Amino acid sequence: MRIVVDLDLCQGHGVCQDEAPAVFTVPKRGLVEIVDATPGDAERAAVEAAIRYCPTQALSIADSGESEGTR
């Protein structure tokens, strides 16, 4: 699993950090920073929650073998 972020969509709400703090950080007045772009399976549920609840849909997962999309 590889996390992809569209920084043009990110508004720095911090929901991703709340859901998966080991994977995402959002500095004050900043945009999301991915701490671990390729987290293990143990983090998958938290990452999926972060993606699901992102208010701007700026996050996605690219699994192994997938071609890179526009995000």
PDB file of N, CA and C in Angstrom:
ATOM      1  N   MET A   1       0.848  -1.177   0.000  1.00  0.00           N
ATOM      2  CA  MET A   1       0.000   0.000   0.000  1.00  0.00           C
ATOM      3  C   MET A   1       0.890   1.235   0.000  1.00  0.00           C
ATOM      4  N   ARG A   2       0.548   2.174  -0.852  1.00  0.00           N
ATOM      5  CA  ARG A   2       1.253   3.447  -0.919  1.00  0.00           C
ATOM      6  C   ARG A   2       0.216   4.559  -0.853  1.00  0.00           C
ATOM      7  N   ILE A   3       0.446   5.537  -0.009  1.00  0.00           N
ATOM      8  CA  ILE A   3      -0.492   6.637   0.166  1.00  0.00           C
ATOM      9  C   ILE A   3      -0.160   7.743  -0.824  1.00  0.00           C
ATOM     10  N   VAL A   4      -1.206   8.287  -1.433  1.00  0.00           N
ATOM     11  CA  VAL A   4      -1.061   9.382  -2.385  1.00  0.00           C
ATOM     12  C   VAL A   4      -1.871  10.554  -1.867  1.00  0.00           C
ATOM     13  N   VAL A   5      -1.288  11.758  -1.923  1.00  0.00           N
ATOM     14  CA  VAL A   5      -1.987  12.961  -1.469  1.00  0.00           C
ATOM     15  C   VAL A   5      -2.026  13.975  -2.595  1.00  0.00           C
ATOM     16  N   ASP A   6      -3.166  14.624  -2.743  1.00  0.00           N
ATOM     17  CA  ASP A   6      -3.327  15.722  -3.695  1.00  0.00           C
ATOM     18  C   ASP A   6      -3.279  17.011  -2.884  1.00  0.00           C
ATOM     19  N   LEU A   7      -2.129  17.656  -2.876  1.00  0.00           N
ATOM     20  CA  LEU A   7      -1.954  18.864  -2.066  1.00  0.00           C
ATOM     21  C   LEU A   7      -2.786  20.037  -2.575  1.00  0.00           C
ATOM     22  N   ASP A   8      -3.254  19.963  -3.819  1.00  0.00           N
ATOM     23  CA  ASP A   8      -4.151  21.008  -4.329  1.00  0.00           C
ATOM     24  C   ASP A   8      -5.519  20.930  -3.652  1.00  0.00           C
ATOM     25  N   LEU A   9      -5.898  19.742  -3.189  1.00  0.00           N
ATOM     26  CA  LEU A   9      -7.188  19.558  -2.510  1.00  0.00           C
ATOM     27  C   LEU A   9      -7.087  19.732  -1.001  1.00  0.00           C
ATOM     28  N   CYS A  10      -5.934  19.402  -0.422  1.00  0.00           N
ATOM     29  CA  CYS A  10      -5.768  19.448   1.030  1.00  0.00           C
ATOM     30  C   CYS A  10      -5.955  20.872   1.553  1.00  0.00           C
ATOM     31  N   GLN A  11      -6.714  20.974   2.646  1.00  0.00           N
ATOM     32  CA  GLN A  11      -6.934  22.270   3.296  1.00  0.00           C
ATOM     33  C   GLN A  11      -6.427  22.274   4.735  1.00  0.00           C
ATOM     34  N   GLY A  12      -5.745  21.214   5.138  1.00  0.00           N
ATOM     35  CA  GLY A  12      -5.128  21.167   6.452  1.00  0.00           C
ATOM     36  C   GLY A  12      -6.077  20.985   7.614  1.00  0.00           C
ATOM     37  N   HIS A  13      -7.206  20.310   7.404  1.00  0.00           N
ATOM     38  CA  HIS A  13      -8.172  20.088   8.483  1.00  0.00           C
ATOM     39  C   HIS A  13      -7.627  19.207   9.603  1.00  0.00           C
ATOM     40  N   GLY A  14      -6.744  18.267   9.271  1.00  0.00           N
ATOM     41  CA  GLY A  14      -6.130  17.419  10.284  1.00  0.00           C
ATOM     42  C   GLY A  14      -6.890  16.156  10.627  1.00  0.00           C
ATOM     43  N   VAL A  15      -7.946  15.858   9.911  1.00  0.00           N
ATOM     44  CA  VAL A  15      -8.719  14.645  10.182  1.00  0.00           C
ATOM     45  C   VAL A  15      -7.837  13.410   9.989  1.00  0.00           C
ATOM     46  N   CYS A  16      -7.002  13.428   8.973  1.00  0.00           N
ATOM     47  CA  CYS A  16      -6.124  12.281   8.712  1.00  0.00           C
ATOM     48  C   CYS A  16      -5.180  12.039   9.892  1.00  0.00           C
ATOM     49  N   GLN A  17      -4.656  13.102  10.451  1.00  0.00           N
ATOM     50  CA  GLN A  17      -3.774  12.985  11.606  1.00  0.00           C
ATOM     51  C   GLN A  17      -4.519  12.414  12.803  1.00  0.00           C
ATOM     52  N   ASP A  18      -5.761  12.806  12.979  1.00  0.00           N
ATOM     53  CA  ASP A  18      -6.570  12.273  14.075  1.00  0.00           C
ATOM     54  C   ASP A  18      -6.812  10.771  13.909  1.00  0.00           C
ATOM     55  N   GLU A  19      -7.046  10.346  12.682  1.00  0.00           N
ATOM     56  CA  GLU A  19      -7.353   8.938  12.408  1.00  0.00           C
ATOM     57  C   GLU A  19      -6.106   8.054  12.382  1.00  0.00           C
ATOM     58  N   ALA A  20      -5.000   8.574  11.857  1.00  0.00           N
ATOM     59  CA  ALA A  20      -3.779   7.768  11.703  1.00  0.00           C
ATOM     60  C   ALA A  20      -2.545   8.609  12.030  1.00  0.00           C
ATOM     61  N   PRO A  21      -2.332   8.905  13.310  1.00  0.00           N
ATOM     62  CA  PRO A  21      -1.226   9.786  13.689  1.00  0.00           C
ATOM     63  C   PRO A  21       0.169   9.217  13.413  1.00  0.00           C
ATOM     64  N   ALA A  22       0.283   7.911  13.255  1.00  0.00           N
ATOM     65  CA  ALA A  22       1.585   7.322  12.937  1.00  0.00           C
ATOM     66  C   ALA A  22       1.940   7.498  11.463  1.00  0.00           C
ATOM     67  N   VAL A  23       0.938   7.889  10.658  1.00  0.00           N
ATOM     68  CA  VAL A  23       1.137   7.978   9.214  1.00  0.00           C
ATOM     69  C   VAL A  23       1.087   9.424   8.716  1.00  0.00           C
ATOM     70  N   PHE A  24       0.232  10.253   9.332  1.00  0.00           N
ATOM     71  CA  PHE A  24       0.033  11.632   8.866  1.00  0.00           C
ATOM     72  C   PHE A  24       0.334  12.643   9.962  1.00  0.00           C
ATOM     73  N   THR A  25       0.815  13.804   9.553  1.00  0.00           N
ATOM     74  CA  THR A  25       0.934  14.941  10.455  1.00  0.00           C
ATOM     75  C   THR A  25       0.477  16.182   9.691  1.00  0.00           C
ATOM     76  N   VAL A  26      -0.172  17.081  10.404  1.00  0.00           N
ATOM     77  CA  VAL A  26      -0.624  18.329   9.793  1.00  0.00           C
ATOM     78  C   VAL A  26      -0.166  19.470  10.695  1.00  0.00           C
ATOM     79  N   PRO A  27       0.863  20.210  10.263  1.00  0.00           N
ATOM     80  CA  PRO A  27       1.338  21.323  11.081  1.00  0.00           C
ATOM     81  C   PRO A  27       0.312  22.443  11.119  1.00  0.00           C
ATOM     82  N   LYS A  28       0.383  23.272  12.147  1.00  0.00           N
ATOM     83  CA  LYS A  28      -0.526  24.416  12.221  1.00  0.00           C
ATOM     84  C   LYS A  28      -0.371  25.247  10.962  1.00  0.00           C
ATOM     85  N   ARG A  29      -1.488  25.625  10.391  1.00  0.00           N
ATOM     86  CA  ARG A  29      -1.528  26.437   9.165  1.00  0.00           C
ATOM     87  C   ARG A  29      -0.755  25.791   8.022  1.00  0.00           C
ATOM     88  N   GLY A  30      -0.808  24.470   7.964  1.00  0.00           N
ATOM     89  CA  GLY A  30      -0.084  23.765   6.921  1.00  0.00           C
ATOM     90  C   GLY A  30      -0.925  22.701   6.265  1.00  0.00           C
ATOM     91  N   LEU A  31      -0.313  22.002   5.345  1.00  0.00           N
ATOM     92  CA  LEU A  31      -0.968  20.917   4.636  1.00  0.00           C
ATOM     93  C   LEU A  31      -0.429  19.590   5.165  1.00  0.00           C
ATOM     94  N   VAL A  32      -1.140  18.530   4.864  1.00  0.00           N
ATOM     95  CA  VAL A  32      -0.768  17.203   5.354  1.00  0.00           C
ATOM     96  C   VAL A  32       0.654  16.849   4.915  1.00  0.00           C
ATOM     97  N   GLU A  33       1.358  16.208   5.822  1.00  0.00           N
ATOM     98  CA  GLU A  33       2.665  15.629   5.532  1.00  0.00           C
ATOM     99  C   GLU A  33       2.548  14.146   5.844  1.00  0.00           C
ATOM    100  N   ILE A  34       3.001  13.327   4.929  1.00  0.00           N
ATOM    101  CA  ILE A  34       2.936  11.891   5.128  1.00  0.00           C
ATOM    102  C   ILE A  34       4.220  11.457   5.823  1.00  0.00           C
ATOM    103  N   VAL A  35       4.075  10.938   7.033  1.00  0.00           N
ATOM    104  CA  VAL A  35       5.211  10.477   7.820  1.00  0.00           C
ATOM    105  C   VAL A  35       5.711   9.141   7.285  1.00  0.00           C
ATOM    106  N   ASP A  36       4.784   8.285   6.878  1.00  0.00           N
ATOM    107  CA  ASP A  36       5.121   6.960   6.355  1.00  0.00           C
ATOM    108  C   ASP A  36       4.261   6.702   5.126  1.00  0.00           C
ATOM    109  N   ALA A  37       4.820   6.912   3.931  1.00  0.00           N
ATOM    110  CA  ALA A  37       4.053   6.783   2.688  1.00  0.00           C
ATOM    111  C   ALA A  37       3.729   5.339   2.333  1.00  0.00           C
ATOM    112  N   THR A  38       4.421   4.396   2.944  1.00  0.00           N
ATOM    113  CA  THR A  38       4.165   2.978   2.670  1.00  0.00           C
ATOM    114  C   THR A  38       4.005   2.214   3.980  1.00  0.00           C
ATOM    115  N   PRO A  39       2.944   2.512   4.738  1.00  0.00           N
ATOM    116  CA  PRO A  39       2.750   1.843   6.023  1.00  0.00           C
ATOM    117  C   PRO A  39       2.399   0.370   5.843  1.00  0.00           C
ATOM    118  N   GLY A  40       2.636  -0.387   6.890  1.00  0.00           N
ATOM    119  CA  GLY A  40       2.330  -1.813   6.867  1.00  0.00           C
ATOM    120  C   GLY A  40       0.840  -2.075   7.032  1.00  0.00           C
ATOM    121  N   ASP A  41       0.496  -3.343   6.939  1.00  0.00           N
ATOM    122  CA  ASP A  41      -0.912  -3.754   7.035  1.00  0.00           C
ATOM    123  C   ASP A  41      -1.538  -3.399   8.380  1.00  0.00           C
ATOM    124  N   ALA A  42      -0.735  -3.287   9.423  1.00  0.00           N
ATOM    125  CA  ALA A  42      -1.267  -2.956  10.749  1.00  0.00           C
ATOM    126  C   ALA A  42      -1.891  -1.564  10.767  1.00  0.00           C
ATOM    127  N   GLU A  43      -1.452  -0.689   9.889  1.00  0.00           N
ATOM    128  CA  GLU A  43      -1.982   0.676   9.824  1.00  0.00           C
ATOM    129  C   GLU A  43      -3.097   0.835   8.797  1.00  0.00           C
ATOM    130  N   ARG A  44      -3.388  -0.202   8.045  1.00  0.00           N
ATOM    131  CA  ARG A  44      -4.326  -0.076   6.924  1.00  0.00           C
ATOM    132  C   ARG A  44      -5.709   0.428   7.349  1.00  0.00           C
ATOM    133  N   ALA A  45      -6.275  -0.096   8.411  1.00  0.00           N
ATOM    134  CA  ALA A  45      -7.611   0.333   8.851  1.00  0.00           C
ATOM    135  C   ALA A  45      -7.613   1.814   9.214  1.00  0.00           C
ATOM    136  N   ALA A  46      -6.562   2.275   9.895  1.00  0.00           N
ATOM    137  CA  ALA A  46      -6.475   3.692  10.272  1.00  0.00           C
ATOM    138  C   ALA A  46      -6.317   4.570   9.042  1.00  0.00           C
ATOM    139  N   VAL A  47      -5.499   4.129   8.085  1.00  0.00           N
ATOM    140  CA  VAL A  47      -5.307   4.894   6.847  1.00  0.00           C
ATOM    141  C   VAL A  47      -6.614   4.957   6.056  1.00  0.00           C
ATOM    142  N   GLU A  48      -7.318   3.844   5.974  1.00  0.00           N
ATOM    143  CA  GLU A  48      -8.598   3.834   5.258  1.00  0.00           C
ATOM    144  C   GLU A  48      -9.607   4.766   5.917  1.00  0.00           C
ATOM    145  N   ALA A  49      -9.605   4.833   7.245  1.00  0.00           N
ATOM    146  CA  ALA A  49     -10.495   5.767   7.946  1.00  0.00           C
ATOM    147  C   ALA A  49     -10.097   7.207   7.639  1.00  0.00           C
ATOM    148  N   ALA A  50      -8.808   7.486   7.621  1.00  0.00           N
ATOM    149  CA  ALA A  50      -8.340   8.831   7.299  1.00  0.00           C
ATOM    150  C   ALA A  50      -8.773   9.239   5.901  1.00  0.00           C
ATOM    151  N   ILE A  51      -8.683   8.325   4.965  1.00  0.00           N
ATOM    152  CA  ILE A  51      -9.100   8.605   3.587  1.00  0.00           C
ATOM    153  C   ILE A  51     -10.606   8.820   3.525  1.00  0.00           C
ATOM    154  N   ARG A  52     -11.355   7.959   4.198  1.00  0.00           N
ATOM    155  CA  ARG A  52     -12.818   8.033   4.173  1.00  0.00           C
ATOM    156  C   ARG A  52     -13.328   9.344   4.748  1.00  0.00           C
ATOM    157  N   TYR A  53     -12.703   9.810   5.841  1.00  0.00           N
ATOM    158  CA  TYR A  53     -13.209  10.990   6.537  1.00  0.00           C
ATOM    159  C   TYR A  53     -12.549  12.302   6.110  1.00  0.00           C
ATOM    160  N   CYS A  54     -11.600  12.254   5.186  1.00  0.00           N
ATOM    161  CA  CYS A  54     -10.970  13.489   4.700  1.00  0.00           C
ATOM    162  C   CYS A  54     -12.041  14.368   4.058  1.00  0.00           C
ATOM    163  N   PRO A  55     -12.253  15.573   4.585  1.00  0.00           N
ATOM    164  CA  PRO A  55     -13.335  16.414   4.072  1.00  0.00           C
ATOM    165  C   PRO A  55     -13.156  16.857   2.623  1.00  0.00           C
ATOM    166  N   THR A  56     -11.927  16.851   2.129  1.00  0.00           N
ATOM    167  CA  THR A  56     -11.696  17.301   0.753  1.00  0.00           C
ATOM    168  C   THR A  56     -11.321  16.161  -0.182  1.00  0.00           C
ATOM    169  N   GLN A  57     -11.314  14.938   0.317  1.00  0.00           N
ATOM    170  CA  GLN A  57     -10.963  13.748  -0.466  1.00  0.00           C
ATOM    171  C   GLN A  57      -9.595  13.901  -1.129  1.00  0.00           C
ATOM    172  N   ALA A  58      -8.625  14.393  -0.354  1.00  0.00           N
ATOM    173  CA  ALA A  58      -7.277  14.645  -0.868  1.00  0.00           C
ATOM    174  C   ALA A  58      -6.370  13.417  -0.790  1.00  0.00           C
ATOM    175  N   LEU A  59      -6.836  12.348  -0.163  1.00  0.00           N
ATOM    176  CA  LEU A  59      -5.996  11.168   0.058  1.00  0.00           C
ATOM    177  C   LEU A  59      -6.525   9.960  -0.690  1.00  0.00           C
ATOM    178  N   SER A  60      -5.611   9.096  -1.087  1.00  0.00           N
ATOM    179  CA  SER A  60      -6.004   7.830  -1.704  1.00  0.00           C
ATOM    180  C   SER A  60      -4.903   6.807  -1.458  1.00  0.00           C
ATOM    181  N   ILE A  61      -5.225   5.541  -1.743  1.00  0.00           N
ATOM    182  CA  ILE A  61      -4.269   4.447  -1.615  1.00  0.00           C
ATOM    183  C   ILE A  61      -3.988   3.899  -3.002  1.00  0.00           C
ATOM    184  N   ALA A  62      -2.716   3.684  -3.279  1.00  0.00           N
ATOM    185  CA  ALA A  62      -2.308   2.986  -4.507  1.00  0.00           C
ATOM    186  C   ALA A  62      -1.682   1.675  -4.048  1.00  0.00           C
ATOM    187  N   ASP A  63      -2.388   0.583  -4.258  1.00  0.00           N
ATOM    188  CA  ASP A  63      -1.854  -0.726  -3.876  1.00  0.00           C
ATOM    189  C   ASP A  63      -0.798  -1.164  -4.877  1.00  0.00           C
ATOM    190  N   SER A  64       0.001  -2.108  -4.491  1.00  0.00           N
ATOM    191  CA  SER A  64       1.045  -2.629  -5.381  1.00  0.00           C
ATOM    192  C   SER A  64       0.440  -3.066  -6.695  1.00  0.00           C
ATOM    193  N   GLY A  65       1.095  -2.694  -7.787  1.00  0.00           N
ATOM    194  CA  GLY A  65       0.628  -3.099  -9.104  1.00  0.00           C
ATOM    195  C   GLY A  65      -0.323  -2.127  -9.753  1.00  0.00           C
ATOM    196  N   GLU A  66      -0.861  -1.168  -8.988  1.00  0.00           N
ATOM    197  CA  GLU A  66      -1.757  -0.196  -9.587  1.00  0.00           C
ATOM    198  C   GLU A  66      -0.950   0.889 -10.277  1.00  0.00           C
ATOM    199  N   SER A  67      -1.476   1.373 -11.375  1.00  0.00           N
ATOM    200  CA  SER A  67      -0.812   2.500 -12.025  1.00  0.00           C
ATOM    201  C   SER A  67      -1.163   3.764 -11.278  1.00  0.00           C
ATOM    202  N   GLU A  68      -0.280   4.727 -11.342  1.00  0.00           N
ATOM    203  CA  GLU A  68      -0.488   5.967 -10.600  1.00  0.00           C
ATOM    204  C   GLU A  68      -1.572   6.785 -11.265  1.00  0.00           C
ATOM    205  N   GLY A  69      -2.504   7.278 -10.456  1.00  0.00           N
ATOM    206  CA  GLY A  69      -3.598   8.091 -10.960  1.00  0.00           C
ATOM    207  C   GLY A  69      -3.253   9.561 -10.944  1.00  0.00           C
ATOM    208  N   THR A  70      -4.269  10.395 -10.925  1.00  0.00           N
ATOM    209  CA  THR A  70      -4.071  11.836 -10.944  1.00  0.00           C
ATOM    210  C   THR A  70      -3.849  12.396  -9.581  1.00  0.00           C
ATOM    211  N   ARG A  71      -4.018  11.602  -8.549  1.00  0.00           N
ATOM    212  CA  ARG A  71      -3.832  12.101  -7.186  1.00  0.00           C
ATOM    213  C   ARG A  71      -2.468  11.886  -6.712  1.00  0.00           C
TER     214      ARG A  71
END
